[in-house]
C-alpha cells in the first residue's frame, strides 16, 4: 500500500517533524512504499490566484506543483496529514493545498445531490495534529473544526471515508514523557 504523508509545518525542529520522522521510520521498518509532500520545503504557494480561479470551474490549474501533487495522489492508497492546529483550524498552507489540489474532475464531480468524491482509491487516512489546547477543548469549545469541516466534510467530499484523527494536545507546555508517549502511539498506529 503506497502511503503519502502531507507535512505542513515550517520548522524542521518541531514536534510535528518528530511525528513525521517516527511515521517514516515505522514505514521503512515495515518495507512499505511511501512519499512525502512537504508543503513548506516545496515552497508550495497556497494562494488561489486570479489566473487559477479563471480555470477553477474547469478543474484546471496553472500551478505545476498542483499537477505534481495530483499525480502523487493518484497513486496513493493511504493518506496521512501531519500539521499543527492554529486558531482551531488547519494551517493556511494546508487549506491552500486543499483549495488548489482538490479540483473538480480530479477529486470530485458535482451531482444534483452534492459532491461525489473521486479519490475512493485512497482506502484510509490519518489526520495527525498537534495543539496547545487540550483535544476536548478543540472539540467542545473550538468548534470541532478538524473533525466537522476537514474530516467529515472535505475529506468525505473527495471520497476518503475511513479517517482516523489523533491529536497531541499541550504540545508546547506538556512534559517530555507526554511527547515520547505520543510518538510511541504514532509507531503503533502505523
Protein backbone atom coordinates (compact mmCIF):
# COMPACT_ATOMS: atom_id res chain seq x y z
CA UNK A 1 0.00 0.00 0.00
CA UNK A 2 1.51 3.32 -1.04
CA UNK A 3 1.35 5.93 1.71
CA UNK A 4 1.57 9.67 1.12
CA UNK A 5 2.40 11.91 4.06
CA UNK A 6 1.40 15.57 3.69
CA UNK A 7 3.53 17.58 6.11
CA UNK A 8 2.52 21.16 6.94
CA UNK A 9 4.94 22.68 9.45
CA UNK A 10 7.63 25.27 8.63
CA UNK A 11 10.17 24.32 11.30
CA UNK A 12 12.06 21.06 10.94
CA UNK A 13 12.99 21.17 14.64
CA UNK A 14 9.33 20.93 15.64
CA UNK A 15 7.44 18.13 17.35
CA UNK A 16 5.47 17.79 14.10
CA UNK A 17 8.75 16.88 12.37
CA UNK A 18 9.42 14.29 15.09
CA UNK A 19 5.99 12.82 14.31
CA UNK A 20 6.83 12.71 10.59
CA UNK A 21 10.20 11.08 11.30
CA UNK A 22 8.56 8.49 13.56
CA UNK A 23 5.98 7.61 10.91
CA UNK A 24 8.62 7.37 8.17
CA UNK A 25 10.86 5.20 10.35
CA UNK A 26 7.99 2.81 11.03
CA UNK A 27 7.02 2.63 7.33
CA UNK A 28 10.65 1.91 6.40
CA UNK A 29 10.95 -0.85 9.04
CA UNK A 30 7.84 -2.45 7.52
CA UNK A 31 9.22 -2.12 3.99
CA UNK A 32 6.23 -0.04 2.93
CA UNK A 33 6.34 2.34 0.00
CA UNK A 34 5.80 5.99 0.92
CA UNK A 35 6.29 9.51 -0.32
CA UNK A 36 6.31 12.87 1.43
CA UNK A 37 4.71 16.12 0.34
CA UNK A 38 6.46 18.74 2.49
CA UNK A 39 4.47 21.86 1.70
CA UNK A 40 6.89 24.37 3.23
CA UNK A 41 10.05 22.69 1.93
CA UNK A 42 8.43 22.55 -1.53
CA UNK A 43 7.69 26.29 -1.29
CA UNK A 44 4.08 25.50 -2.15
CA UNK A 45 2.08 28.64 -2.88
CA UNK A 46 -1.29 28.17 -1.13
CA UNK A 47 -2.84 31.29 -2.65
CA UNK A 48 -5.56 30.71 -5.22
CA UNK A 49 -4.62 33.43 -7.71
CA UNK A 50 -6.80 35.08 -10.34
CA UNK A 51 -5.36 33.06 -13.24
CA UNK A 52 -6.12 29.82 -11.39
CA UNK A 53 -9.56 30.97 -10.36
CA UNK A 54 -10.35 31.58 -14.05
CA UNK A 55 -9.68 27.85 -14.63
CA UNK A 56 -11.14 26.60 -11.35
CA UNK A 57 -14.61 25.69 -12.61
CA UNK A 58 -12.95 23.61 -15.36
CA UNK A 59 -10.83 21.71 -12.82
CA UNK A 60 -7.63 23.14 -14.30
CA UNK A 61 -4.63 25.00 -12.91
CA UNK A 62 -1.55 26.93 -13.97
CA UNK A 63 0.47 25.72 -10.95
CA UNK A 64 2.88 22.88 -11.85
CA UNK A 65 3.07 21.83 -8.16
CA UNK A 66 -0.67 21.17 -8.17
CA UNK A 67 -0.28 18.81 -11.13
CA UNK A 68 2.69 17.10 -9.44
CA UNK A 69 0.72 16.60 -6.21
CA UNK A 70 -2.28 15.26 -8.13
CA UNK A 71 -0.06 12.66 -9.80
CA UNK A 72 1.21 11.60 -6.36
CA UNK A 73 -2.34 11.35 -5.00
CA UNK A 74 -3.44 9.21 -7.96
CA UNK A 75 -1.02 6.52 -6.71
CA UNK A 76 -1.91 6.89 -3.02
CA UNK A 77 -3.83 4.29 -1.04
CA UNK A 78 -3.21 5.72 2.44
CA UNK A 79 -3.05 9.45 3.09
CA UNK A 80 -1.54 10.99 6.23
CA UNK A 81 -1.76 14.65 7.18
CA UNK A 82 0.63 16.00 9.85
CA UNK A 83 0.12 19.58 10.99
CA UNK A 84 -0.29 21.95 13.96
CA UNK A 85 -3.74 23.25 14.84
CA UNK A 86 -3.52 27.04 14.59
CA UNK A 87 -6.52 29.13 15.56
CA UNK A 88 -8.59 25.93 15.94
CA UNK A 89 -8.09 25.06 12.27
CA UNK A 90 -5.68 23.85 9.61
CA UNK A 91 -2.61 25.97 8.83
CA UNK A 92 -3.23 28.25 5.83
CA UNK A 93 -0.74 26.31 3.68
CA UNK A 94 -2.71 23.08 4.18
CA UNK A 95 -6.02 24.83 3.49
CA UNK A 96 -4.44 26.19 0.30
CA UNK A 97 -3.33 22.66 -0.62
CA UNK A 98 -6.96 21.53 -0.36
CA UNK A 99 -8.24 24.57 -2.27
CA UNK A 100 -5.77 24.23 -5.13
CA UNK A 101 -5.15 20.47 -5.43
CA UNK A 102 -8.61 19.00 -4.78
CA UNK A 103 -10.01 20.23 -8.07
CA UNK A 104 -13.22 19.34 -9.88
CA UNK A 105 -12.92 16.26 -12.10
CA UNK A 106 -9.81 15.21 -10.15
CA UNK A 107 -11.09 14.77 -6.61
CA UNK A 108 -14.84 15.21 -7.11
CA UNK A 109 -17.65 15.78 -9.54
CA UNK A 110 -20.78 17.81 -8.88
CA UNK A 111 -24.11 15.99 -8.87
CA UNK A 112 -27.67 17.11 -8.22
CA UNK A 113 -27.37 15.90 -4.63
CA UNK A 114 -23.91 17.32 -3.88
CA UNK A 115 -20.33 16.24 -4.41
CA UNK A 116 -19.35 12.76 -5.46
CA UNK A 117 -15.80 12.01 -4.34
CA UNK A 118 -13.38 10.53 -6.86
CA UNK A 119 -10.45 9.69 -4.54
CA UNK A 120 -12.04 6.42 -3.44
CA UNK A 121 -8.79 4.56 -4.21
CA UNK A 122 -7.45 6.18 -1.02
CA UNK A 123 -8.65 3.49 1.35
CA UNK A 124 -7.78 5.21 4.62
CA UNK A 125 -6.39 8.40 6.04
CA UNK A 126 -4.81 9.58 9.25
CA UNK A 127 -5.04 13.15 10.47
CA UNK A 128 -2.27 13.72 13.00
CA UNK A 129 -2.33 17.13 14.60
CA UNK A 130 -0.68 18.96 17.46
CA UNK A 131 -2.17 21.72 19.57
CA UNK A 132 -1.56 23.62 22.74
CA UNK A 133 -5.27 23.45 23.53
CA UNK A 134 -6.49 20.19 25.03
CA UNK A 135 -8.24 17.95 22.50
CA UNK A 136 -11.51 18.16 24.46
CA UNK A 137 -11.37 21.96 24.21
CA UNK A 138 -10.92 21.80 20.42
CA UNK A 139 -13.97 19.55 20.21
CA UNK A 140 -16.30 21.23 22.73
CA UNK A 141 -15.35 24.91 22.53
CA UNK A 142 -13.17 25.33 19.44
CA UNK A 143 -15.91 24.33 17.01
CA UNK A 144 -14.52 20.82 16.36
CA UNK A 145 -13.25 22.16 13.02
CA UNK A 146 -10.83 19.31 12.31
CA UNK A 147 -13.50 16.64 12.67
CA UNK A 148 -16.53 18.52 11.32
CA UNK A 149 -15.06 20.54 8.45
CA UNK A 150 -11.86 18.76 7.46
CA UNK A 151 -12.71 15.10 8.06
CA UNK A 152 -16.50 14.81 7.75
CA UNK A 153 -16.95 17.43 5.02
CA UNK A 154 -13.77 17.96 3.00
CA UNK A 155 -12.18 14.51 3.06
CA UNK A 156 -15.52 12.72 2.83
CA UNK A 157 -16.47 15.06 -0.04
CA UNK A 158 -13.49 13.88 -2.09
CA UNK A 159 -14.22 10.21 -1.37
CA UNK A 160 -11.99 9.47 1.64
CA UNK A 161 -14.23 7.89 4.24
CA UNK A 162 -12.04 5.87 6.62
CA UNK A 163 -10.28 8.63 8.58
CA UNK A 164 -8.63 8.46 11.99
CA UNK A 165 -7.82 11.68 13.91
CA UNK A 166 -5.06 11.69 16.51
CA UNK A 167 -4.18 14.92 18.31
CA UNK A 168 -1.29 15.67 20.64
CA UNK A 169 -2.55 18.37 22.99
CA UNK A 170 -0.46 20.60 25.27
CA UNK A 171 2.37 20.16 22.80
CA UNK A 172 4.37 23.20 23.89
CA UNK A 173 3.73 23.05 27.63
CA UNK A 174 3.47 19.27 28.02
CA UNK A 175 6.17 17.09 29.51
CA UNK A 176 8.86 15.28 27.58
CA UNK A 177 7.29 11.98 28.69
CA UNK A 178 3.97 13.02 27.15
CA UNK A 179 5.69 13.67 23.83
CA UNK A 180 7.60 10.37 23.99
CA UNK A 181 4.35 8.51 24.70
CA UNK A 182 2.64 10.23 21.78
CA UNK A 183 5.45 9.17 19.43
CA UNK A 184 5.05 5.58 20.70
CA UNK A 185 1.35 5.87 19.84
CA UNK A 186 2.28 7.01 16.32
CA UNK A 187 4.52 3.94 15.96
CA UNK A 188 1.63 1.70 17.00
CA UNK A 189 -0.89 3.14 14.53
CA UNK A 190 1.38 2.59 11.52
